[in-house]
C-alpha cells in the first residue's frame, strides 16, 4: 500500500494508480521498445485481455493502452464510486485484479 499511496491517506486514487501503472509499465518493458507484449505481461493479462485492450491490433500494449486497462480495473474495484480504493477494496477479487497491473 505504501508504494501505491504516496500521500499516506490510506487510499489509492486514480492519479496514484496511473503513476504506479506508468512505473510498472517501464519495469515490465524489458526490451525498452515502449510496448508490452504477451511475454512481458505474463501473469498479469492473458492473451484475450491483451487483444481486447489493443485497438490498433499490433499485438502489444503501449502506455496509453495499458493505462486504459488500469483505469477500467480501478473503476471496477471501486464499488462505492468514491474515486478511491481503500485497503478493503484492494483485498477484493476486483482489487486483486487491479493490483496485478500496478
C-alpha atoms as a PDB file:
ATOM      1  CA  UNK A   1       0.000   0.000   0.000  1.00  0.00           C
ATOM      2  CA  UNK A   2       2.862   2.402   0.758  1.00  0.00           C
ATOM      3  CA  UNK A   3       4.137   2.482  -2.814  1.00  0.00           C
ATOM      4  CA  UNK A   4       0.624   2.990  -4.186  1.00  0.00           C
ATOM      5  CA  UNK A   5      -0.292   5.652  -1.623  1.00  0.00           C
ATOM      6  CA  UNK A   6       2.481   8.268  -1.562  1.00  0.00           C
ATOM      7  CA  UNK A   7       0.272  10.822   0.237  1.00  0.00           C
ATOM      8  CA  UNK A   8      -0.376   8.266   3.012  1.00  0.00           C
ATOM      9  CA  UNK A   9      -4.106   8.952   3.219  1.00  0.00           C
ATOM     10  CA  UNK A  10      -4.922   5.226   3.393  1.00  0.00           C
ATOM     11  CA  UNK A  11      -6.469   5.056  -0.071  1.00  0.00           C
ATOM     12  CA  UNK A  12      -5.350   4.913  -3.699  1.00  0.00           C
ATOM     13  CA  UNK A  13      -6.841   7.481  -6.062  1.00  0.00           C
ATOM     14  CA  UNK A  14      -6.786   7.446  -9.866  1.00  0.00           C
ATOM     15  CA  UNK A  15      -3.724   9.706 -10.130  1.00  0.00           C
ATOM     16  CA  UNK A  16      -1.790   7.440  -7.788  1.00  0.00           C
ATOM     17  CA  UNK A  17      -2.962   4.405  -9.775  1.00  0.00           C
ATOM     18  CA  UNK A  18      -1.835   5.942 -13.084  1.00  0.00           C
ATOM     19  CA  UNK A  19       1.562   6.885 -11.637  1.00  0.00           C
ATOM     20  CA  UNK A  20       2.027   3.339 -10.314  1.00  0.00           C
ATOM     21  CA  UNK A  21       0.939   1.925 -13.682  1.00  0.00           C
ATOM     22  CA  UNK A  22       3.490   4.054 -15.544  1.00  0.00           C
ATOM     23  CA  UNK A  23       6.250   2.899 -13.207  1.00  0.00           C
ATOM     24  CA  UNK A  24       5.201  -0.740 -13.585  1.00  0.00           C
ATOM     25  CA  UNK A  25       4.983  -0.363 -17.373  1.00  0.00           C
ATOM     26  CA  UNK A  26       8.593   0.860 -17.510  1.00  0.00           C
ATOM     27  CA  UNK A  27       9.702  -2.001 -15.249  1.00  0.00           C
ATOM     28  CA  UNK A  28       7.929  -4.606 -17.394  1.00  0.00           C
ATOM     29  CA  UNK A  29       9.217  -3.208 -20.711  1.00  0.00           C
ATOM     30  CA  UNK A  30      12.409  -5.281 -20.631  1.00  0.00           C
ATOM     31  CA  UNK A  31      13.340  -4.576 -24.254  1.00  0.00           C
ATOM     32  CA  UNK A  32      12.658  -0.830 -23.883  1.00  0.00           C
ATOM     33  CA  UNK A  33      10.591  -0.666 -27.070  1.00  0.00           C
ATOM     34  CA  UNK A  34       7.757   1.327 -25.490  1.00  0.00           C
ATOM     35  CA  UNK A  35       5.301  -1.561 -25.663  1.00  0.00           C
ATOM     36  CA  UNK A  36       4.439  -4.651 -23.670  1.00  0.00           C
ATOM     37  CA  UNK A  37       3.915  -7.980 -25.399  1.00  0.00           C
ATOM     38  CA  UNK A  38       2.289 -11.145 -24.064  1.00  0.00           C
ATOM     39  CA  UNK A  39       5.617 -12.387 -22.673  1.00  0.00           C
ATOM     40  CA  UNK A  40       6.196  -9.149 -20.737  1.00  0.00           C
ATOM     41  CA  UNK A  41       2.596  -9.216 -19.454  1.00  0.00           C
ATOM     42  CA  UNK A  42       2.655 -12.873 -18.410  1.00  0.00           C
ATOM     43  CA  UNK A  43       0.802 -13.424 -15.155  1.00  0.00           C
ATOM     44  CA  UNK A  44      -0.930 -10.065 -15.397  1.00  0.00           C
ATOM     45  CA  UNK A  45      -3.074 -10.288 -18.529  1.00  0.00           C
ATOM     46  CA  UNK A  46      -3.966 -13.246 -20.691  1.00  0.00           C
ATOM     47  CA  UNK A  47      -3.968 -13.122 -24.494  1.00  0.00           C
ATOM     48  CA  UNK A  48      -7.697 -12.423 -24.691  1.00  0.00           C
ATOM     49  CA  UNK A  49      -7.398  -9.429 -22.317  1.00  0.00           C
ATOM     50  CA  UNK A  50      -4.464  -8.104 -24.338  1.00  0.00           C
ATOM     51  CA  UNK A  51      -6.461  -8.427 -27.546  1.00  0.00           C
ATOM     52  CA  UNK A  52      -9.417  -6.512 -26.027  1.00  0.00           C
ATOM     53  CA  UNK A  53      -7.101  -3.731 -24.862  1.00  0.00           C
ATOM     54  CA  UNK A  54      -5.244  -3.468 -28.183  1.00  0.00           C
ATOM     55  CA  UNK A  55      -7.334  -1.243 -30.508  1.00  0.00           C
ATOM     56  CA  UNK A  56      -4.574  -0.964 -33.104  1.00  0.00           C
ATOM     57  CA  UNK A  57      -4.242  -4.775 -33.203  1.00  0.00           C
ATOM     58  CA  UNK A  58      -0.449  -4.754 -33.173  1.00  0.00           C
ATOM     59  CA  UNK A  59      -0.275  -7.482 -30.531  1.00  0.00           C
ATOM     60  CA  UNK A  60       1.286  -5.204 -27.923  1.00  0.00           C
ATOM     61  CA  UNK A  61       0.131  -2.562 -25.467  1.00  0.00           C
ATOM     62  CA  UNK A  62       1.620   0.907 -25.365  1.00  0.00           C
ATOM     63  CA  UNK A  63       1.481   3.014 -22.221  1.00  0.00           C
ATOM     64  CA  UNK A  64      -1.884   4.579 -23.144  1.00  0.00           C
ATOM     65  CA  UNK A  65      -3.459   1.173 -23.812  1.00  0.00           C
ATOM     66  CA  UNK A  66      -2.011  -0.210 -20.575  1.00  0.00           C
ATOM     67  CA  UNK A  67      -3.230   2.789 -18.592  1.00  0.00           C
ATOM     68  CA  UNK A  68      -6.724   2.347 -20.047  1.00  0.00           C
ATOM     69  CA  UNK A  69      -6.840  -1.187 -18.594  1.00  0.00           C
ATOM     70  CA  UNK A  70      -5.628   0.086 -15.232  1.00  0.00           C
ATOM     71  CA  UNK A  71      -8.371   2.750 -15.227  1.00  0.00           C
ATOM     72  CA  UNK A  72     -11.039   0.183 -16.123  1.00  0.00           C
ATOM     73  CA  UNK A  73      -9.876  -2.214 -13.402  1.00  0.00           C
ATOM     74  CA  UNK A  74      -9.602   0.648 -10.882  1.00  0.00           C
ATOM     75  CA  UNK A  75     -13.225   1.628 -11.530  1.00  0.00           C
ATOM     76  CA  UNK A  76     -14.353  -1.996 -11.274  1.00  0.00           C
ATOM     77  CA  UNK A  77     -12.627  -2.279  -7.880  1.00  0.00           C
ATOM     78  CA  UNK A  78     -14.368   0.888  -6.606  1.00  0.00           C
ATOM     79  CA  UNK A  79     -17.949  -0.290  -5.901  1.00  0.00           C
ATOM     80  CA  UNK A  80     -18.850   2.784  -3.844  1.00  0.00           C
ATOM     81  CA  UNK A  81     -17.677   5.062  -6.692  1.00  0.00           C
ATOM     82  CA  UNK A  82     -15.886   7.433  -4.348  1.00  0.00           C
ATOM     83  CA  UNK A  83     -12.857   7.652  -6.654  1.00  0.00           C
ATOM     84  CA  UNK A  84     -10.529   5.918  -4.242  1.00  0.00           C
ATOM     85  CA  UNK A  85      -9.642   2.358  -3.356  1.00  0.00           C
ATOM     86  CA  UNK A  86      -9.474   1.502   0.316  1.00  0.00           C
ATOM     87  CA  UNK A  87      -7.453  -1.361   1.707  1.00  0.00           C
ATOM     88  CA  UNK A  88     -10.644  -3.453   1.900  1.00  0.00           C
ATOM     89  CA  UNK A  89     -11.442  -2.727  -1.763  1.00  0.00           C
ATOM     90  CA  UNK A  90      -7.898  -3.677  -2.753  1.00  0.00           C
ATOM     91  CA  UNK A  91      -8.337  -7.024  -0.979  1.00  0.00           C
ATOM     92  CA  UNK A  92     -11.455  -7.829  -3.028  1.00  0.00           C
ATOM     93  CA  UNK A  93     -11.260 -10.049  -6.108  1.00  0.00           C
ATOM     94  CA  UNK A  94     -11.511  -7.000  -8.397  1.00  0.00           C
ATOM     95  CA  UNK A  95      -8.973  -5.161  -6.263  1.00  0.00           C
ATOM     96  CA  UNK A  96      -6.534  -8.045  -6.619  1.00  0.00           C
ATOM     97  CA  UNK A  97      -7.003  -7.956 -10.391  1.00  0.00           C
ATOM     98  CA  UNK A  98      -6.167  -4.224 -10.337  1.00  0.00           C
ATOM     99  CA  UNK A  99      -3.107  -4.811  -8.152  1.00  0.00           C
ATOM    100  CA  UNK A 100      -1.636  -7.236 -10.700  1.00  0.00           C
ATOM    101  CA  UNK A 101      -1.256  -4.299 -13.060  1.00  0.00           C
ATOM    102  CA  UNK A 102       0.358  -1.795 -10.727  1.00  0.00           C
END
